[in-house]
PDB file of all heavy atoms in Angstrom:
ATOM      1  N   THR A   1       9.498  64.682  -1.882  1.00  0.00           N
ATOM      2  CA  THR A   1      10.030  63.816  -2.936  1.00  0.00           C
ATOM      3  C   THR A   1      10.350  62.447  -2.349  1.00  0.00           C
ATOM      4  O   THR A   1      10.971  62.348  -1.284  1.00  0.00           O
ATOM      5  CB  THR A   1      11.299  64.420  -3.575  1.00  0.00           C
ATOM      6  OG1 THR A   1      10.964  65.675  -4.161  1.00  0.00           O
ATOM      7  CG2 THR A   1      11.847  63.493  -4.647  1.00  0.00           C
ATOM      8  N   LEU A   2       9.897  61.407  -3.038  1.00  0.00           N
ATOM      9  CA  LEU A   2      10.105  60.033  -2.585  1.00  0.00           C
ATOM     10  C   LEU A   2      11.062  59.341  -3.564  1.00  0.00           C
ATOM     11  O   LEU A   2      10.831  59.329  -4.774  1.00  0.00           O
ATOM     12  CB  LEU A   2       8.770  59.281  -2.549  1.00  0.00           C
ATOM     13  CG  LEU A   2       8.736  57.928  -1.833  1.00  0.00           C
ATOM     14  CD1 LEU A   2       9.069  58.098  -0.364  1.00  0.00           C
ATOM     15  CD2 LEU A   2       7.371  57.285  -1.998  1.00  0.00           C
ATOM     16  N   VAL A   3      12.135  58.788  -3.037  1.00  0.00           N
ATOM     17  CA  VAL A   3      13.110  58.070  -3.860  1.00  0.00           C
ATOM     18  C   VAL A   3      12.791  56.578  -3.820  1.00  0.00           C
ATOM     19  O   VAL A   3      12.718  55.980  -2.745  1.00  0.00           O
ATOM     20  CB  VAL A   3      14.550  58.321  -3.367  1.00  0.00           C
ATOM     21  CG1 VAL A   3      15.535  57.496  -4.195  1.00  0.00           C
ATOM     22  CG2 VAL A   3      14.886  59.800  -3.454  1.00  0.00           C
ATOM     23  N   LEU A   4      12.588  55.989  -4.990  1.00  0.00           N
ATOM     24  CA  LEU A   4      12.254  54.575  -5.096  1.00  0.00           C
ATOM     25  C   LEU A   4      13.425  53.816  -5.705  1.00  0.00           C
ATOM     26  O   LEU A   4      14.031  54.264  -6.693  1.00  0.00           O
ATOM     27  CB  LEU A   4      11.012  54.376  -5.975  1.00  0.00           C
ATOM     28  CG  LEU A   4       9.747  55.121  -5.552  1.00  0.00           C
ATOM     29  CD1 LEU A   4       8.605  54.812  -6.514  1.00  0.00           C
ATOM     30  CD2 LEU A   4       9.354  54.749  -4.129  1.00  0.00           C
ATOM     31  N   ILE A   5      13.745  52.653  -5.110  1.00  0.00           N
ATOM     32  CA  ILE A   5      14.817  51.793  -5.617  1.00  0.00           C
ATOM     33  C   ILE A   5      14.271  50.378  -5.693  1.00  0.00           C
ATOM     34  O   ILE A   5      13.711  49.860  -4.722  1.00  0.00           O
ATOM     35  CB  ILE A   5      16.071  51.840  -4.718  1.00  0.00           C
ATOM     36  CG1 ILE A   5      16.618  53.261  -4.623  1.00  0.00           C
ATOM     37  CG2 ILE A   5      17.142  50.882  -5.241  1.00  0.00           C
ATOM     38  CD1 ILE A   5      17.768  53.402  -3.651  1.00  0.00           C
ATOM     39  N   SER A   6      14.405  49.736  -6.863  1.00  0.00           N
ATOM     40  CA  SER A   6      13.871  48.387  -7.032  1.00  0.00           C
ATOM     41  C   SER A   6      14.623  47.691  -8.158  1.00  0.00           C
ATOM     42  O   SER A   6      15.665  48.161  -8.621  1.00  0.00           O
ATOM     43  CB  SER A   6      12.365  48.463  -7.334  1.00  0.00           C
ATOM     44  OG  SER A   6      11.824  47.158  -7.428  1.00  0.00           O
ATOM     45  N   SER A   7      14.094  46.554  -8.586  1.00  0.00           N
ATOM     46  CA  SER A   7      14.645  45.822  -9.731  1.00  0.00           C
ATOM     47  C   SER A   7      13.682  45.944 -10.899  1.00  0.00           C
ATOM     48  O   SER A   7      12.464  45.762 -10.723  1.00  0.00           O
ATOM     49  CB  SER A   7      14.842  44.337  -9.394  1.00  0.00           C
ATOM     50  OG  SER A   7      15.783  44.186  -8.347  1.00  0.00           O
ATOM     51  N   GLY A   8      14.233  46.229 -12.067  1.00  0.00           N
ATOM     52  CA  GLY A   8      13.403  46.431 -13.239  1.00  0.00           C
ATOM     53  C   GLY A   8      13.288  45.184 -14.102  1.00  0.00           C
ATOM     54  O   GLY A   8      13.646  44.067 -13.691  1.00  0.00           O
ATOM     55  N   TYR A   9      12.815  45.385 -15.293  1.00  0.00           N
ATOM     56  CA  TYR A   9      12.590  44.306 -16.251  1.00  0.00           C
ATOM     57  C   TYR A   9      13.916  43.643 -16.627  1.00  0.00           C
ATOM     58  O   TYR A   9      14.900  44.320 -16.899  1.00  0.00           O
ATOM     59  CB  TYR A   9      11.901  44.894 -17.478  1.00  0.00           C
ATOM     60  CG  TYR A   9      11.457  43.873 -18.498  1.00  0.00           C
ATOM     61  CD1 TYR A   9      10.633  42.804 -18.136  1.00  0.00           C
ATOM     62  CD2 TYR A   9      11.859  43.979 -19.825  1.00  0.00           C
ATOM     63  CE1 TYR A   9      10.218  41.875 -19.064  1.00  0.00           C
ATOM     64  CE2 TYR A   9      11.440  43.060 -20.766  1.00  0.00           C
ATOM     65  CZ  TYR A   9      10.627  42.001 -20.381  1.00  0.00           C
ATOM     66  OH  TYR A   9      10.229  41.083 -21.319  1.00  0.00           O
ATOM     67  N   HIS A  10      13.916  42.287 -16.609  1.00  0.00           N
ATOM     68  CA  HIS A  10      15.121  41.509 -16.923  1.00  0.00           C
ATOM     69  C   HIS A  10      16.298  41.862 -16.009  1.00  0.00           C
ATOM     70  O   HIS A  10      17.464  41.853 -16.431  1.00  0.00           O
ATOM     71  CB  HIS A  10      15.535  41.714 -18.386  1.00  0.00           C
ATOM     72  CG  HIS A  10      14.712  40.910 -19.353  1.00  0.00           C
ATOM     73  ND1 HIS A  10      14.254  39.639 -19.081  1.00  0.00           N
ATOM     74  CD2 HIS A  10      14.268  41.206 -20.606  1.00  0.00           C
ATOM     75  CE1 HIS A  10      13.566  39.183 -20.111  1.00  0.00           C
ATOM     76  NE2 HIS A  10      13.538  40.122 -21.050  1.00  0.00           N
ATOM     77  N   GLY A  11      16.002  42.205 -14.729  1.00  0.00           N
ATOM     78  CA  GLY A  11      17.062  42.455 -13.756  1.00  0.00           C
ATOM     79  C   GLY A  11      17.705  43.814 -13.844  1.00  0.00           C
ATOM     80  O   GLY A  11      18.700  44.066 -13.150  1.00  0.00           O
ATOM     81  N   ALA A  12      17.151  44.695 -14.663  1.00  0.00           N
ATOM     82  CA  ALA A  12      17.724  46.036 -14.768  1.00  0.00           C
ATOM     83  C   ALA A  12      17.484  46.806 -13.479  1.00  0.00           C
ATOM     84  O   ALA A  12      16.515  46.558 -12.759  1.00  0.00           O
ATOM     85  CB  ALA A  12      17.107  46.783 -15.945  1.00  0.00           C
ATOM     86  N   SER A  13      18.382  47.724 -13.186  1.00  0.00           N
ATOM     87  CA  SER A  13      18.218  48.552 -11.989  1.00  0.00           C
ATOM     88  C   SER A  13      17.077  49.538 -12.202  1.00  0.00           C
ATOM     89  O   SER A  13      16.912  50.094 -13.295  1.00  0.00           O
ATOM     90  CB  SER A  13      19.512  49.313 -11.680  1.00  0.00           C
ATOM     91  OG  SER A  13      20.557  48.395 -11.399  1.00  0.00           O
ATOM     92  N   ALA A  14      16.300  49.730 -11.136  1.00  0.00           N
ATOM     93  CA  ALA A  14      15.175  50.673 -11.198  1.00  0.00           C
ATOM     94  C   ALA A  14      15.340  51.673 -10.078  1.00  0.00           C
ATOM     95  O   ALA A  14      15.402  51.301  -8.902  1.00  0.00           O
ATOM     96  CB  ALA A  14      13.847  49.926 -11.065  1.00  0.00           C
ATOM     97  N   ALA A  15      15.453  52.949 -10.438  1.00  0.00           N
ATOM     98  CA  ALA A  15      15.606  54.003  -9.442  1.00  0.00           C
ATOM     99  C   ALA A  15      15.016  55.284  -9.993  1.00  0.00           C
ATOM    100  O   ALA A  15      15.046  55.527 -11.203  1.00  0.00           O
ATOM    101  CB  ALA A  15      17.072  54.198  -9.078  1.00  0.00           C
ATOM    102  N   GLY A  16      14.441  56.065  -9.086  1.00  0.00           N
ATOM    103  CA  GLY A  16      13.863  57.326  -9.533  1.00  0.00           C
ATOM    104  C   GLY A  16      13.363  58.126  -8.355  1.00  0.00           C
ATOM    105  O   GLY A  16      13.103  57.600  -7.267  1.00  0.00           O
ATOM    106  N   ALA A  17      13.265  59.438  -8.559  1.00  0.00           N
ATOM    107  CA  ALA A  17      12.734  60.353  -7.542  1.00  0.00           C
ATOM    108  C   ALA A  17      11.388  60.876  -8.026  1.00  0.00           C
ATOM    109  O   ALA A  17      11.276  61.342  -9.165  1.00  0.00           O
ATOM    110  CB  ALA A  17      13.712  61.500  -7.301  1.00  0.00           C
ATOM    111  N   TYR A  18      10.379  60.797  -7.162  1.00  0.00           N
ATOM    112  CA  TYR A  18       9.017  61.140  -7.581  1.00  0.00           C
ATOM    113  C   TYR A  18       8.375  62.076  -6.571  1.00  0.00           C
ATOM    114  O   TYR A  18       8.508  61.892  -5.354  1.00  0.00           O
ATOM    115  CB  TYR A  18       8.169  59.871  -7.731  1.00  0.00           C
ATOM    116  CG  TYR A  18       8.704  58.942  -8.797  1.00  0.00           C
ATOM    117  CD1 TYR A  18       9.614  57.939  -8.453  1.00  0.00           C
ATOM    118  CD2 TYR A  18       8.338  59.084 -10.117  1.00  0.00           C
ATOM    119  CE1 TYR A  18      10.133  57.098  -9.427  1.00  0.00           C
ATOM    120  CE2 TYR A  18       8.833  58.239 -11.096  1.00  0.00           C
ATOM    121  CZ  TYR A  18       9.730  57.255 -10.746  1.00  0.00           C
ATOM    122  OH  TYR A  18      10.235  56.424 -11.712  1.00  0.00           O
ATOM    123  N   LEU A  19       7.669  63.065  -7.081  1.00  0.00           N
ATOM    124  CA  LEU A  19       6.990  64.043  -6.256  1.00  0.00           C
ATOM    125  C   LEU A  19       5.672  63.461  -5.739  1.00  0.00           C
ATOM    126  O   LEU A  19       4.905  62.877  -6.497  1.00  0.00           O
ATOM    127  CB  LEU A  19       6.713  65.309  -7.068  1.00  0.00           C
ATOM    128  CG  LEU A  19       6.046  66.476  -6.326  1.00  0.00           C
ATOM    129  CD1 LEU A  19       6.988  67.055  -5.277  1.00  0.00           C
ATOM    130  CD2 LEU A  19       5.615  67.558  -7.317  1.00  0.00           C
ATOM    131  N   VAL A  20       5.442  63.602  -4.441  1.00  0.00           N
ATOM    132  CA  VAL A  20       4.181  63.151  -3.852  1.00  0.00           C
ATOM    133  C   VAL A  20       3.115  64.208  -4.149  1.00  0.00           C
ATOM    134  O   VAL A  20       3.167  65.322  -3.635  1.00  0.00           O
ATOM    135  CB  VAL A  20       4.314  62.935  -2.322  1.00  0.00           C
ATOM    136  CG1 VAL A  20       2.972  62.497  -1.739  1.00  0.00           C
ATOM    137  CG2 VAL A  20       5.394  61.899  -2.030  1.00  0.00           C
ATOM    138  N   LYS A  21       2.132  63.843  -4.972  1.00  0.00           N
ATOM    139  CA  LYS A  21       1.112  64.816  -5.386  1.00  0.00           C
ATOM    140  C   LYS A  21      -0.190  64.700  -4.604  1.00  0.00           C
ATOM    141  O   LYS A  21      -1.057  65.562  -4.696  1.00  0.00           O
ATOM    142  CB  LYS A  21       0.827  64.644  -6.882  1.00  0.00           C
ATOM    143  CG  LYS A  21       1.997  65.029  -7.769  1.00  0.00           C
ATOM    144  CD  LYS A  21       1.598  65.016  -9.236  1.00  0.00           C
ATOM    145  CE  LYS A  21       2.741  65.507 -10.114  1.00  0.00           C
ATOM    146  NZ  LYS A  21       2.356  65.535 -11.554  1.00  0.00           N
ATOM    147  N   GLY A  22      -0.345  63.628  -3.842  1.00  0.00           N
ATOM    148  CA  GLY A  22      -1.581  63.479  -3.077  1.00  0.00           C
ATOM    149  C   GLY A  22      -1.532  62.248  -2.204  1.00  0.00           C
ATOM    150  O   GLY A  22      -0.695  61.360  -2.398  1.00  0.00           O
ATOM    151  N   LEU A  23      -2.428  62.184  -1.216  1.00  0.00           N
ATOM    152  CA  LEU A  23      -2.524  61.041  -0.317  1.00  0.00           C
ATOM    153  C   LEU A  23      -3.919  60.430  -0.437  1.00  0.00           C
ATOM    154  O   LEU A  23      -4.916  61.148  -0.518  1.00  0.00           O
ATOM    155  CB  LEU A  23      -2.266  61.452   1.136  1.00  0.00           C
ATOM    156  CG  LEU A  23      -0.891  62.073   1.432  1.00  0.00           C
ATOM    157  CD1 LEU A  23      -0.806  62.455   2.908  1.00  0.00           C
ATOM    158  CD2 LEU A  23       0.227  61.109   1.069  1.00  0.00           C
ATOM    159  N   ILE A  24      -3.976  59.105  -0.442  1.00  0.00           N
ATOM    160  CA  ILE A  24      -5.238  58.371  -0.542  1.00  0.00           C
ATOM    161  C   ILE A  24      -5.451  57.591   0.750  1.00  0.00           C
ATOM    162  O   ILE A  24      -4.517  56.949   1.244  1.00  0.00           O
ATOM    163  CB  ILE A  24      -5.229  57.396  -1.738  1.00  0.00           C
ATOM    164  CG1 ILE A  24      -4.983  58.160  -3.033  1.00  0.00           C
ATOM    165  CG2 ILE A  24      -6.538  56.621  -1.822  1.00  0.00           C
ATOM    166  CD1 ILE A  24      -4.798  57.244  -4.242  1.00  0.00           C
ATOM    167  N   LYS A  25      -6.664  57.655   1.267  1.00  0.00           N
ATOM    168  CA  LYS A  25      -7.006  56.869   2.445  1.00  0.00           C
ATOM    169  C   LYS A  25      -7.951  55.747   2.029  1.00  0.00           C
ATOM    170  O   LYS A  25      -9.043  55.997   1.531  1.00  0.00           O
ATOM    171  CB  LYS A  25      -7.672  57.731   3.522  1.00  0.00           C
ATOM    172  CG  LYS A  25      -8.006  56.924   4.785  1.00  0.00           C
ATOM    173  CD  LYS A  25      -8.648  57.791   5.852  1.00  0.00           C
ATOM    174  CE  LYS A  25      -8.969  56.952   7.085  1.00  0.00           C
ATOM    175  NZ  LYS A  25      -9.600  57.742   8.158  1.00  0.00           N
ATOM    176  N   PHE A  26      -7.516  54.501   2.240  1.00  0.00           N
ATOM    177  CA  PHE A  26      -8.331  53.335   1.909  1.00  0.00           C
ATOM    178  C   PHE A  26      -8.964  52.762   3.171  1.00  0.00           C
ATOM    179  O   PHE A  26      -8.349  52.760   4.238  1.00  0.00           O
ATOM    180  CB  PHE A  26      -7.474  52.249   1.259  1.00  0.00           C
ATOM    181  CG  PHE A  26      -7.324  52.414  -0.224  1.00  0.00           C
ATOM    182  CD1 PHE A  26      -6.159  52.927  -0.753  1.00  0.00           C
ATOM    183  CD2 PHE A  26      -8.348  52.047  -1.086  1.00  0.00           C
ATOM    184  CE1 PHE A  26      -6.010  53.086  -2.113  1.00  0.00           C
ATOM    185  CE2 PHE A  26      -8.207  52.195  -2.440  1.00  0.00           C
ATOM    186  CZ  PHE A  26      -7.040  52.715  -2.969  1.00  0.00           C
ATOM    187  N   PRO A  27     -10.195  52.245   3.066  1.00  0.00           N
ATOM    188  CA  PRO A  27     -10.802  51.569   4.220  1.00  0.00           C
ATOM    189  C   PRO A  27     -10.033  50.319   4.641  1.00  0.00           C
ATOM    190  O   PRO A  27     -10.097  49.918   5.788  1.00  0.00           O
ATOM    191  CB  PRO A  27     -12.205  51.208   3.717  1.00  0.00           C
ATOM    192  CG  PRO A  27     -12.460  52.142   2.594  1.00  0.00           C
ATOM    193  CD  PRO A  27     -11.132  52.373   1.956  1.00  0.00           C
ATOM    194  N   SER A  28      -9.309  49.714   3.694  1.00  0.00           N
ATOM    195  CA  SER A  28      -8.530  48.523   4.001  1.00  0.00           C
ATOM    196  C   SER A  28      -7.166  48.925   4.559  1.00  0.00           C
ATOM    197  O   SER A  28      -6.370  49.561   3.852  1.00  0.00           O
ATOM    198  CB  SER A  28      -8.335  47.669   2.735  1.00  0.00           C
ATOM    199  OG  SER A  28      -7.394  46.639   2.979  1.00  0.00           O
ATOM    200  N   PRO A  29      -6.860  48.575   5.817  1.00  0.00           N
ATOM    201  CA  PRO A  29      -5.552  48.934   6.388  1.00  0.00           C
ATOM    202  C   PRO A  29      -4.389  48.379   5.565  1.00  0.00           C
ATOM    203  O   PRO A  29      -3.339  49.016   5.461  1.00  0.00           O
ATOM    204  CB  PRO A  29      -5.598  48.313   7.790  1.00  0.00           C
ATOM    205  CG  PRO A  29      -7.052  48.195   8.106  1.00  0.00           C
ATOM    206  CD  PRO A  29      -7.722  47.898   6.795  1.00  0.00           C
ATOM    207  N   GLU A  30      -4.564  47.174   4.997  1.00  0.00           N
ATOM    208  CA  GLU A  30      -3.475  46.568   4.222  1.00  0.00           C
ATOM    209  C   GLU A  30      -3.127  47.420   3.013  1.00  0.00           C
ATOM    210  O   GLU A  30      -1.952  47.676   2.736  1.00  0.00           O
ATOM    211  CB  GLU A  30      -3.887  45.160   3.787  1.00  0.00           C
ATOM    212  CG  GLU A  30      -2.768  44.413   3.055  1.00  0.00           C
ATOM    213  CD  GLU A  30      -3.187  43.003   2.686  1.00  0.00           C
ATOM    214  OE1 GLU A  30      -4.327  42.609   3.031  1.00  0.00           O
ATOM    215  OE2 GLU A  30      -2.381  42.301   2.053  1.00  0.00           O
ATOM    216  N   LEU A  31      -4.149  47.872   2.281  1.00  0.00           N
ATOM    217  CA  LEU A  31      -3.892  48.723   1.122  1.00  0.00           C
ATOM    218  C   LEU A  31      -3.383  50.099   1.549  1.00  0.00           C
ATOM    219  O   LEU A  31      -2.531  50.692   0.890  1.00  0.00           O
ATOM    220  CB  LEU A  31      -5.169  48.882   0.295  1.00  0.00           C
ATOM    221  CG  LEU A  31      -5.694  47.638  -0.422  1.00  0.00           C
ATOM    222  CD1 LEU A  31      -7.009  47.951  -1.122  1.00  0.00           C
ATOM    223  CD2 LEU A  31      -4.681  47.121  -1.425  1.00  0.00           C
ATOM    224  N   ASN A  32      -3.899  50.583   2.644  1.00  0.00           N
ATOM    225  CA  ASN A  32      -3.549  51.931   3.090  1.00  0.00           C
ATOM    226  C   ASN A  32      -2.107  52.031   3.580  1.00  0.00           C
ATOM    227  O   ASN A  32      -1.516  53.106   3.552  1.00  0.00           O
ATOM    228  CB  ASN A  32      -4.504  52.357   4.212  1.00  0.00           C
ATOM    229  CG  ASN A  32      -4.607  53.854   4.351  1.00  0.00           C
ATOM    230  OD1 ASN A  32      -4.784  54.559   3.376  1.00  0.00           O
ATOM    231  ND2 ASN A  32      -4.489  54.343   5.572  1.00  0.00           N
ATOM    232  N   ASN A  33      -1.531  50.891   4.005  1.00  0.00           N
ATOM    233  CA  ASN A  33      -0.207  50.922   4.629  1.00  0.00           C
ATOM    234  C   ASN A  33       0.928  50.491   3.715  1.00  0.00           C
ATOM    235  O   ASN A  33       2.093  50.539   4.132  1.00  0.00           O
ATOM    236  CB  ASN A  33      -0.195  50.022   5.875  1.00  0.00           C
ATOM    237  CG  ASN A  33      -1.069  50.563   6.981  1.00  0.00           C
ATOM    238  OD1 ASN A  33      -1.294  51.761   7.077  1.00  0.00           O
ATOM    239  ND2 ASN A  33      -1.588  49.673   7.809  1.00  0.00           N
ATOM    240  N   GLN A  34       0.630  50.067   2.494  1.00  0.00           N
ATOM    241  CA  GLN A  34       1.733  49.525   1.699  1.00  0.00           C
ATOM    242  C   GLN A  34       1.688  49.881   0.213  1.00  0.00           C
ATOM    243  O   GLN A  34       2.517  49.394  -0.551  1.00  0.00           O
ATOM    244  CB  GLN A  34       1.748  47.992   1.818  1.00  0.00           C
ATOM    245  CG  GLN A  34       0.539  47.306   1.219  1.00  0.00           C
ATOM    246  CD  GLN A  34       0.597  45.794   1.387  1.00  0.00           C
ATOM    247  OE1 GLN A  34       1.220  45.299   2.310  1.00  0.00           O
ATOM    248  NE2 GLN A  34      -0.027  45.071   0.495  1.00  0.00           N
ATOM    249  N   MET A  35       0.770  50.730  -0.201  1.00  0.00           N
ATOM    250  CA  MET A  35       0.618  50.974  -1.640  1.00  0.00           C
ATOM    251  C   MET A  35       1.105  52.368  -2.047  1.00  0.00           C
ATOM    252  O   MET A  35       0.905  53.346  -1.327  1.00  0.00           O
ATOM    253  CB  MET A  35      -0.845  50.813  -2.054  1.00  0.00           C
ATOM    254  CG  MET A  35      -1.417  49.428  -1.805  1.00  0.00           C
ATOM    255  SD  MET A  35      -0.633  48.146  -2.792  1.00  0.00           S
ATOM    256  CE  MET A  35      -1.227  48.587  -4.408  1.00  0.00           C
ATOM    257  N   ILE A  36       1.748  52.415  -3.210  1.00  0.00           N
ATOM    258  CA  ILE A  36       2.087  53.666  -3.882  1.00  0.00           C
ATOM    259  C   ILE A  36       1.462  53.610  -5.269  1.00  0.00           C
ATOM    260  O   ILE A  36       1.604  52.607  -5.978  1.00  0.00           O
ATOM    261  CB  ILE A  36       3.612  53.868  -4.011  1.00  0.00           C
ATOM    262  CG1 ILE A  36       4.250  54.052  -2.630  1.00  0.00           C
ATOM    263  CG2 ILE A  36       3.933  55.068  -4.899  1.00  0.00           C
ATOM    264  CD1 ILE A  36       5.768  54.133  -2.689  1.00  0.00           C
ATOM    265  N   TYR A  37       0.764  54.663  -5.656  1.00  0.00           N
ATOM    266  CA  TYR A  37       0.118  54.706  -6.965  1.00  0.00           C
ATOM    267  C   TYR A  37       0.861  55.684  -7.871  1.00  0.00           C
ATOM    268  O   TYR A  37       1.118  56.826  -7.491  1.00  0.00           O
ATOM    269  CB  TYR A  37      -1.352  55.119  -6.814  1.00  0.00           C
ATOM    270  CG  TYR A  37      -2.189  54.024  -6.210  1.00  0.00           C
ATOM    271  CD1 TYR A  37      -2.262  53.879  -4.833  1.00  0.00           C
ATOM    272  CD2 TYR A  37      -2.856  53.104  -7.007  1.00  0.00           C
ATOM    273  CE1 TYR A  37      -2.995  52.861  -4.259  1.00  0.00           C
ATOM    274  CE2 TYR A  37      -3.601  52.078  -6.443  1.00  0.00           C
ATOM    275  CZ  TYR A  37      -3.666  51.969  -5.072  1.00  0.00           C
ATOM    276  OH  TYR A  37      -4.389  50.939  -4.504  1.00  0.00           O
ATOM    277  N   MET A  38       1.184  55.181  -9.069  1.00  0.00           N
ATOM    278  CA  MET A  38       1.899  55.979 -10.055  1.00  0.00           C
ATOM    279  C   MET A  38       1.154  55.898 -11.379  1.00  0.00           C
ATOM    280  O   MET A  38       0.461  54.914 -11.650  1.00  0.00           O
ATOM    281  CB  MET A  38       3.330  55.440 -10.253  1.00  0.00           C
ATOM    282  CG  MET A  38       4.171  55.415  -8.994  1.00  0.00           C
ATOM    283  SD  MET A  38       5.730  54.496  -9.235  1.00  0.00           S
ATOM    284  CE  MET A  38       6.507  55.490 -10.499  1.00  0.00           C
TER     285      MET A  38
END
């Protein structure tokens, strides 16, 4: 489970716990090291 904390629309708090259902390997190291897909 991955807990995400951020800022939402119009400054609202954004928080949630999400189950990791799979891993993606990208040829681009930049995309592979910093992306979460929901």
